PDB file of N, CA and C in Angstrom:
ATOM      1  N   MET A   1      13.391 -39.338 126.501  1.00  0.00           N
ATOM      2  CA  MET A   1      12.895 -40.000 125.509  1.00  0.00           C
ATOM      3  C   MET A   1      11.835 -41.232 125.966  1.00  0.00           C
ATOM      4  N   ARG A   2      10.684 -41.159 125.702  1.00  0.00           N
ATOM      5  CA  ARG A   2       9.867 -42.076 126.134  1.00  0.00           C
ATOM      6  C   ARG A   2       9.605 -43.232 124.926  1.00  0.00           C
ATOM      7  N   THR A   3       9.425 -44.325 125.436  1.00  0.00           N
ATOM      8  CA  THR A   3       9.389 -45.743 124.436  1.00  0.00           C
ATOM      9  C   THR A   3       8.009 -46.366 124.743  1.00  0.00           C
ATOM     10  N   VAL A   4       7.119 -46.465 123.738  1.00  0.00           N
ATOM     11  CA  VAL A   4       5.952 -46.840 123.679  1.00  0.00           C
ATOM     12  C   VAL A   4       5.604 -48.124 122.962  1.00  0.00           C
ATOM     13  N   THR A   5       5.095 -49.041 123.385  1.00  0.00           N
ATOM     14  CA  THR A   5       5.046 -50.392 122.864  1.00  0.00           C
ATOM     15  C   THR A   5       3.382 -50.535 122.833  1.00  0.00           C
ATOM     16  N   ILE A   6       2.932 -50.672 121.587  1.00  0.00           N
ATOM     17  CA  ILE A   6       1.311 -50.848 121.620  1.00  0.00           C
ATOM     18  C   ILE A   6       1.427 -52.380 121.123  1.00  0.00           C
ATOM     19  N   ARG A   7       0.571 -53.280 121.873  1.00  0.00           N
ATOM     20  CA  ARG A   7       0.341 -54.665 121.202  1.00  0.00           C
ATOM     21  C   ARG A   7      -0.957 -54.758 121.200  1.00  0.00           C
ATOM     22  N   ARG A   8      -1.474 -55.404 119.922  1.00  0.00           N
ATOM     23  CA  ARG A   8      -2.745 -55.350 119.506  1.00  0.00           C
ATOM     24  C   ARG A   8      -2.820 -56.946 118.771  1.00  0.00           C
ATOM     25  N   CYS A   9      -4.167 -57.116 119.056  1.00  0.00           N
ATOM     26  CA  CYS A   9      -4.670 -58.297 118.366  1.00  0.00           C
ATOM     27  C   CYS A   9      -4.322 -58.507 116.849  1.00  0.00           C
ATOM     28  N   PRO A  10      -3.725 -59.477 116.248  1.00  0.00           N
ATOM     29  CA  PRO A  10      -3.446 -59.439 114.911  1.00  0.00           C
ATOM     30  C   PRO A  10      -4.555 -59.742 114.093  1.00  0.00           C
ATOM     31  N   VAL A  11      -5.698 -60.047 114.309  1.00  0.00           N
ATOM     32  CA  VAL A  11      -6.812 -60.445 113.479  1.00  0.00           C
ATOM     33  C   VAL A  11      -7.899 -59.268 113.647  1.00  0.00           C
ATOM     34  N   CYS A  12      -8.309 -58.421 114.694  1.00  0.00           N
ATOM     35  CA  CYS A  12      -9.349 -57.760 115.094  1.00  0.00           C
ATOM     36  C   CYS A  12      -9.185 -56.610 114.409  1.00  0.00           C
ATOM     37  N   PRO A  13      -9.965 -56.150 113.474  1.00  0.00           N
ATOM     38  CA  PRO A  13      -9.898 -54.825 112.763  1.00  0.00           C
ATOM     39  C   PRO A  13     -10.243 -53.572 113.407  1.00  0.00           C
ATOM     40  N   ASN A  14     -11.185 -53.787 114.409  1.00  0.00           N
ATOM     41  CA  ASN A  14     -11.321 -52.613 115.385  1.00  0.00           C
ATOM     42  C   ASN A  14     -10.150 -51.898 116.285  1.00  0.00           C
ATOM     43  N   ILE A  15      -9.558 -53.116 116.834  1.00  0.00           N
ATOM     44  CA  ILE A  15      -8.223 -52.967 117.671  1.00  0.00           C
ATOM     45  C   ILE A  15      -7.386 -52.570 116.742  1.00  0.00           C
ATOM     46  N   GLY A  16      -6.907 -52.902 115.612  1.00  0.00           N
ATOM     47  CA  GLY A  16      -5.894 -52.549 114.704  1.00  0.00           C
ATOM     48  C   GLY A  16      -6.192 -50.994 114.356  1.00  0.00           C
ATOM     49  N   SER A  17      -7.321 -50.712 113.932  1.00  0.00           N
ATOM     50  CA  SER A  17      -7.562 -49.173 113.682  1.00  0.00           C
ATOM     51  C   SER A  17      -7.417 -48.452 114.671  1.00  0.00           C
ATOM     52  N   HIS A  18      -7.834 -48.687 116.040  1.00  0.00           N
ATOM     53  CA  HIS A  18      -7.660 -48.041 117.317  1.00  0.00           C
ATOM     54  C   HIS A  18      -6.109 -47.721 117.383  1.00  0.00           C
ATOM     55  N   SER A  19      -5.503 -49.069 117.559  1.00  0.00           N
ATOM     56  CA  SER A  19      -4.171 -48.777 117.669  1.00  0.00           C
ATOM     57  C   SER A  19      -3.422 -47.972 116.684  1.00  0.00           C
ATOM     58  N   ASP A  20      -3.631 -47.955 115.262  1.00  0.00           N
ATOM     59  CA  ASP A  20      -3.017 -46.980 114.499  1.00  0.00           C
ATOM     60  C   ASP A  20      -3.466 -45.514 114.978  1.00  0.00           C
ATOM     61  N   GLN A  21      -4.582 -45.433 115.228  1.00  0.00           N
ATOM     62  CA  GLN A  21      -4.929 -43.983 115.656  1.00  0.00           C
ATOM     63  C   GLN A  21      -4.235 -43.490 116.726  1.00  0.00           C
ATOM     64  N   LEU A  22      -4.060 -44.358 117.846  1.00  0.00           N
ATOM     65  CA  LEU A  22      -3.183 -43.912 118.913  1.00  0.00           C
ATOM     66  C   LEU A  22      -1.833 -43.674 118.774  1.00  0.00           C
ATOM     67  N   ALA A  23      -1.341 -44.703 117.889  1.00  0.00           N
ATOM     68  CA  ALA A  23       0.052 -44.678 117.619  1.00  0.00           C
ATOM     69  C   ALA A  23       0.178 -43.089 116.677  1.00  0.00           C
ATOM     70  N   ALA A  24      -0.426 -42.993 115.875  1.00  0.00           N
ATOM     71  CA  ALA A  24      -0.314 -41.583 115.155  1.00  0.00           C
ATOM     72  C   ALA A  24      -0.297 -40.371 116.089  1.00  0.00           C
ATOM     73  N   THR A  25      -1.095 -40.351 116.882  1.00  0.00           N
ATOM     74  CA  THR A  25      -1.116 -39.228 118.008  1.00  0.00           C
ATOM     75  C   THR A  25      -0.193 -39.071 118.786  1.00  0.00           C
ATOM     76  N   LEU A  26       0.448 -40.475 119.415  1.00  0.00           N
ATOM     77  CA  LEU A  26       1.777 -40.348 119.950  1.00  0.00           C
ATOM     78  C   LEU A  26       2.955 -40.135 119.310  1.00  0.00           C
ATOM     79  N   ARG A  27       3.018 -40.612 118.021  1.00  0.00           N
ATOM     80  CA  ARG A  27       4.030 -40.133 117.139  1.00  0.00           C
ATOM     81  C   ARG A  27       4.352 -38.721 116.799  1.00  0.00           C
ATOM     82  N   ALA A  28       3.150 -37.821 117.266  1.00  0.00           N
ATOM     83  CA  ALA A  28       3.322 -36.623 117.217  1.00  0.00           C
ATOM     84  C   ALA A  28       4.325 -35.845 118.092  1.00  0.00           C
ATOM     85  N   ASP A  29       4.391 -36.511 119.296  1.00  0.00           N
ATOM     86  CA  ASP A  29       5.393 -36.051 120.164  1.00  0.00           C
ATOM     87  C   ASP A  29       6.893 -36.472 119.856  1.00  0.00           C
ATOM     88  N   PRO A  30       7.887 -35.475 119.528  1.00  0.00           N
ATOM     89  CA  PRO A  30       9.091 -35.934 119.080  1.00  0.00           C
ATOM     90  C   PRO A  30       9.935 -36.431 119.976  1.00  0.00           C
ATOM     91  N   ASP A  31       9.489 -36.481 121.578  1.00  0.00           N
ATOM     92  CA  ASP A  31      10.241 -37.140 122.755  1.00  0.00           C
ATOM     93  C   ASP A  31       9.599 -38.642 122.901  1.00  0.00           C
ATOM     94  N   THR A  32       8.858 -39.285 122.015  1.00  0.00           N
ATOM     95  CA  THR A  32       8.315 -40.302 122.078  1.00  0.00           C
ATOM     96  C   THR A  32       8.652 -41.277 120.991  1.00  0.00           C
ATOM     97  N   THR A  33       8.809 -42.352 121.259  1.00  0.00           N
ATOM     98  CA  THR A  33       9.119 -43.611 120.110  1.00  0.00           C
ATOM     99  C   THR A  33       7.973 -44.414 120.396  1.00  0.00           C
ATOM    100  N   VAL A  34       7.301 -44.939 119.217  1.00  0.00           N
ATOM    101  CA  VAL A  34       6.198 -45.875 119.199  1.00  0.00           C
ATOM    102  C   VAL A  34       6.344 -47.040 118.385  1.00  0.00           C
ATOM    103  N   ASN A  35       6.048 -48.079 118.890  1.00  0.00           N
ATOM    104  CA  ASN A  35       6.185 -49.361 118.007  1.00  0.00           C
ATOM    105  C   ASN A  35       4.870 -50.175 118.149  1.00  0.00           C
ATOM    106  N   VAL A  36       4.476 -50.766 117.227  1.00  0.00           N
ATOM    107  CA  VAL A  36       2.989 -51.440 117.271  1.00  0.00           C
ATOM    108  C   VAL A  36       3.293 -52.939 116.835  1.00  0.00           C
ATOM    109  N   VAL A  37       3.145 -53.807 117.740  1.00  0.00           N
ATOM    110  CA  VAL A  37       3.445 -54.991 117.505  1.00  0.00           C
ATOM    111  C   VAL A  37       2.086 -55.974 117.688  1.00  0.00           C
ATOM    112  N   ASP A  38       2.370 -57.167 116.990  1.00  0.00           N
ATOM    113  CA  ASP A  38       1.190 -58.243 117.233  1.00  0.00           C
ATOM    114  C   ASP A  38       1.118 -58.752 118.610  1.00  0.00           C
ATOM    115  N   GLY A  39       0.162 -58.848 119.226  1.00  0.00           N
ATOM    116  CA  GLY A  39      -0.152 -59.412 120.428  1.00  0.00           C
ATOM    117  C   GLY A  39      -1.019 -60.613 120.245  1.00  0.00           C
ATOM    118  N   ALA A  40      -1.385 -61.256 121.595  1.00  0.00           N
ATOM    119  CA  ALA A  40      -2.473 -62.134 121.519  1.00  0.00           C
ATOM    120  C   ALA A  40      -3.518 -61.912 120.938  1.00  0.00           C
ATOM    121  N   LYS A  41      -4.537 -62.902 120.882  1.00  0.00           N
ATOM    122  CA  LYS A  41      -5.820 -62.366 120.124  1.00  0.00           C
ATOM    123  C   LYS A  41      -6.591 -61.779 121.069  1.00  0.00           C
ATOM    124  N   GLY A  42      -7.355 -60.615 120.711  1.00  0.00           N
ATOM    125  CA  GLY A  42      -8.110 -59.828 121.674  1.00  0.00           C
ATOM    126  C   GLY A  42      -7.131 -58.820 122.576  1.00  0.00           C
ATOM    127  N   GLU A  43      -6.015 -59.001 122.345  1.00  0.00           N
ATOM    128  CA  GLU A  43      -5.150 -58.175 123.117  1.00  0.00           C
ATOM    129  C   GLU A  43      -5.078 -56.467 122.680  1.00  0.00           C
ATOM    130  N   PHE A  44      -4.967 -55.755 123.694  1.00  0.00           N
ATOM    131  CA  PHE A  44      -4.914 -54.228 123.175  1.00  0.00           C
ATOM    132  C   PHE A  44      -4.269 -53.692 124.658  1.00  0.00           C
ATOM    133  N   THR A  45      -2.792 -53.755 124.403  1.00  0.00           N
ATOM    134  CA  THR A  45      -2.147 -53.065 125.838  1.00  0.00           C
ATOM    135  C   THR A  45      -0.873 -52.425 125.343  1.00  0.00           C
ATOM    136  N   ILE A  46      -0.861 -51.357 126.054  1.00  0.00           N
ATOM    137  CA  ILE A  46       0.428 -50.139 125.730  1.00  0.00           C
ATOM    138  C   ILE A  46       1.362 -50.528 126.903  1.00  0.00           C
ATOM    139  N   GLU A  47       2.520 -50.199 126.579  1.00  0.00           N
ATOM    140  CA  GLU A  47       3.810 -50.328 127.794  1.00  0.00           C
ATOM    141  C   GLU A  47       4.507 -49.236 127.130  1.00  0.00           C
ATOM    142  N   VAL A  48       4.864 -48.355 128.425  1.00  0.00           N
ATOM    143  CA  VAL A  48       5.362 -47.058 128.444  1.00  0.00           C
ATOM    144  C   VAL A  48       6.615 -47.338 129.309  1.00  0.00           C
ATOM    145  N   ASP A  49       7.731 -47.332 128.755  1.00  0.00           N
ATOM    146  CA  ASP A  49       9.108 -47.471 129.462  1.00  0.00           C
ATOM    147  C   ASP A  49       8.709 -48.454 130.591  1.00  0.00           C
ATOM    148  N   GLY A  50       8.137 -49.710 130.164  1.00  0.00           N
ATOM    149  CA  GLY A  50       8.098 -50.593 130.960  1.00  0.00           C
ATOM    150  C   GLY A  50       6.812 -50.719 131.878  1.00  0.00           C
ATOM    151  N   ARG A  51       6.047 -49.562 131.881  1.00  0.00           N
ATOM    152  CA  ARG A  51       4.759 -49.723 132.483  1.00  0.00           C
ATOM    153  C   ARG A  51       3.670 -50.071 131.723  1.00  0.00           C
ATOM    154  N   ARG A  52       2.785 -51.114 132.129  1.00  0.00           N
ATOM    155  CA  ARG A  52       1.746 -51.402 131.237  1.00  0.00           C
ATOM    156  C   ARG A  52       0.591 -50.866 131.356  1.00  0.00           C
ATOM    157  N   ILE A  53      -0.145 -50.445 130.379  1.00  0.00           N
ATOM    158  CA  ILE A  53      -1.461 -49.754 130.463  1.00  0.00           C
ATOM    159  C   ILE A  53      -2.424 -50.576 129.617  1.00  0.00           C
ATOM    160  N   GLU A  54      -3.407 -50.836 130.389  1.00  0.00           N
ATOM    161  CA  GLU A  54      -4.802 -51.493 129.591  1.00  0.00           C
ATOM    162  C   GLU A  54      -5.632 -50.635 128.750  1.00  0.00           C
ATOM    163  N   GLY A  55      -5.553 -51.102 127.506  1.00  0.00           N
ATOM    164  CA  GLY A  55      -6.192 -50.330 126.363  1.00  0.00           C
ATOM    165  C   GLY A  55      -7.713 -50.755 126.241  1.00  0.00           C
ATOM    166  N   LYS A  56      -8.238 -51.852 127.193  1.00  0.00           N
ATOM    167  CA  LYS A  56      -9.273 -52.112 127.124  1.00  0.00           C
ATOM    168  C   LYS A  56      -9.871 -52.034 128.373  1.00  0.00           C
ATOM    169  N   SER A  57     -11.408 -51.853 128.528  1.00  0.00           N
ATOM    170  CA  SER A  57     -12.200 -51.995 129.795  1.00  0.00           C
ATOM    171  C   SER A  57     -13.232 -52.797 129.720  1.00  0.00           C
ATOM    172  N   GLY A  58     -13.123 -54.166 130.309  1.00  0.00           N
ATOM    173  CA  GLY A  58     -14.083 -55.088 130.051  1.00  0.00           C
ATOM    174  C   GLY A  58     -13.737 -55.399 128.439  1.00  0.00           C
ATOM    175  N   ASP A  59     -14.927 -55.358 127.572  1.00  0.00           N
ATOM    176  CA  ASP A  59     -14.678 -55.681 126.304  1.00  0.00           C
ATOM    177  C   ASP A  59     -14.687 -54.650 125.474  1.00  0.00           C
ATOM    178  N   SER A  60     -14.738 -53.367 126.027  1.00  0.00           N
ATOM    179  CA  SER A  60     -14.610 -52.291 125.373  1.00  0.00           C
ATOM    180  C   SER A  60     -13.301 -51.503 125.294  1.00  0.00           C
ATOM    181  N   LEU A  61     -13.107 -50.828 124.084  1.00  0.00           N
ATOM    182  CA  LEU A  61     -11.614 -50.330 123.896  1.00  0.00           C
ATOM    183  C   LEU A  61     -11.803 -48.790 124.625  1.00  0.00           C
ATOM    184  N   ARG A  62     -10.543 -48.369 125.314  1.00  0.00           N
ATOM    185  CA  ARG A  62     -10.774 -46.941 126.043  1.00  0.00           C
ATOM    186  C   ARG A  62     -10.236 -46.014 124.735  1.00  0.00           C
ATOM    187  N   ASP A  63     -10.958 -44.731 125.059  1.00  0.00           N
ATOM    188  CA  ASP A  63     -10.922 -43.806 124.300  1.00  0.00           C
ATOM    189  C   ASP A  63      -9.290 -43.647 124.026  1.00  0.00           C
ATOM    190  N   ALA A  64      -9.206 -43.144 122.693  1.00  0.00           N
ATOM    191  CA  ALA A  64      -7.490 -42.829 122.531  1.00  0.00           C
ATOM    192  C   ALA A  64      -7.242 -41.657 123.167  1.00  0.00           C
ATOM    193  N   SER A  65      -7.927 -40.662 123.310  1.00  0.00           N
ATOM    194  CA  SER A  65      -7.627 -39.451 123.951  1.00  0.00           C
ATOM    195  C   SER A  65      -7.511 -39.744 125.200  1.00  0.00           C
ATOM    196  N   GLU A  66      -8.052 -40.581 125.925  1.00  0.00           N
ATOM    197  CA  GLU A  66      -7.708 -41.087 127.548  1.00  0.00           C
ATOM    198  C   GLU A  66      -6.568 -41.733 127.597  1.00  0.00           C
ATOM    199  N   LEU A  67      -6.286 -42.755 126.546  1.00  0.00           N
ATOM    200  CA  LEU A  67      -4.928 -43.415 126.686  1.00  0.00           C
ATOM    201  C   LEU A  67      -3.786 -42.374 126.547  1.00  0.00           C
ATOM    202  N   THR A  68      -3.915 -41.587 125.493  1.00  0.00           N
ATOM    203  CA  THR A  68      -2.826 -40.533 125.197  1.00  0.00           C
ATOM    204  C   THR A  68      -2.631 -39.589 126.369  1.00  0.00           C
ATOM    205  N   ALA A  69      -3.701 -39.625 127.082  1.00  0.00           N
ATOM    206  CA  ALA A  69      -3.242 -38.586 128.295  1.00  0.00           C
ATOM    207  C   ALA A  69      -2.580 -39.376 129.605  1.00  0.00           C
ATOM    208  N   GLU A  70      -2.778 -40.665 129.440  1.00  0.00           N
ATOM    209  CA  GLU A  70      -2.227 -41.657 130.417  1.00  0.00           C
ATOM    210  C   GLU A  70      -0.718 -41.925 130.168  1.00  0.00           C
ATOM    211  N   VAL A  71      -0.697 -41.997 128.674  1.00  0.00           N
ATOM    212  CA  VAL A  71       0.890 -42.411 128.594  1.00  0.00           C
ATOM    213  C   VAL A  71       1.686 -41.000 128.781  1.00  0.00           C
ATOM    214  N   ARG A  72       1.029 -39.979 128.266  1.00  0.00           N
ATOM    215  CA  ARG A  72       1.893 -38.832 128.628  1.00  0.00           C
ATOM    216  C   ARG A  72       1.666 -38.197 130.095  1.00  0.00           C
ATOM    217  N   GLY A  73       1.114 -38.708 131.103  1.00  0.00           N
ATOM    218  CA  GLY A  73       0.831 -38.387 132.224  1.00  0.00           C
ATOM    219  C   GLY A  73       2.054 -38.335 133.168  1.00  0.00           C
ATOM    220  N   PRO A  74       2.054 -37.572 134.095  1.00  0.00           N
ATOM    221  CA  PRO A  74       3.247 -37.318 134.937  1.00  0.00           C
ATOM    222  C   PRO A  74       3.574 -38.698 135.589  1.00  0.00           C
ATOM    223  N   GLU A  75       2.547 -39.480 135.971  1.00  0.00           N
ATOM    224  CA  GLU A  75       2.735 -40.675 136.732  1.00  0.00           C
ATOM    225  C   GLU A  75       3.375 -41.821 135.943  1.00  0.00           C
ATOM    226  N   VAL A  76       3.360 -41.717 134.559  1.00  0.00           N
ATOM    227  CA  VAL A  76       3.933 -42.656 133.654  1.00  0.00           C
ATOM    228  C   VAL A  76       5.251 -41.999 133.434  1.00  0.00           C
ATOM    229  N   ALA A  77       5.390 -40.716 132.875  1.00  0.00           N
ATOM    230  CA  ALA A  77       6.601 -40.247 132.708  1.00  0.00           C
ATOM    231  C   ALA A  77       7.803 -40.070 133.729  1.00  0.00           C
ATOM    232  N   THR A  78       7.372 -40.400 135.064  1.00  0.00           N
ATOM    233  CA  THR A  78       8.340 -40.431 135.947  1.00  0.00           C
ATOM    234  C   THR A  78       8.782 -41.787 136.721  1.00  0.00           C
ATOM    235  N   ALA A  79       7.881 -42.816 135.937  1.00  0.00           N
ATOM    236  CA  ALA A  79       8.047 -44.198 136.376  1.00  0.00           C
ATOM    237  C   ALA A  79       9.375 -44.785 136.058  1.00  0.00           C
ATOM    238  N   GLY A  80      10.183 -45.632 136.614  1.00  0.00           N
ATOM    239  CA  GLY A  80      11.224 -46.216 136.081  1.00  0.00           C
ATOM    240  C   GLY A  80      12.381 -45.584 136.297  1.00  0.00           C
TER     241      GLY A  80
END
């Protein structure tokens, strides 16, 4: 079982909807538990079993499909 925590900006609607989209995609995997929590202003990070993944590249949000692949990737699945 993989545990994913998505930390999102509590006031930014773009990050909020991007977080919701990512969470919905990840929740389709029965071996993944997803929690979405408020983080710092401007924050969009993903933690997978203790390993941090940046959800932004500079000021741009990373593509949800790219983040999903990184969360499900073997380098994350075997970490820890």
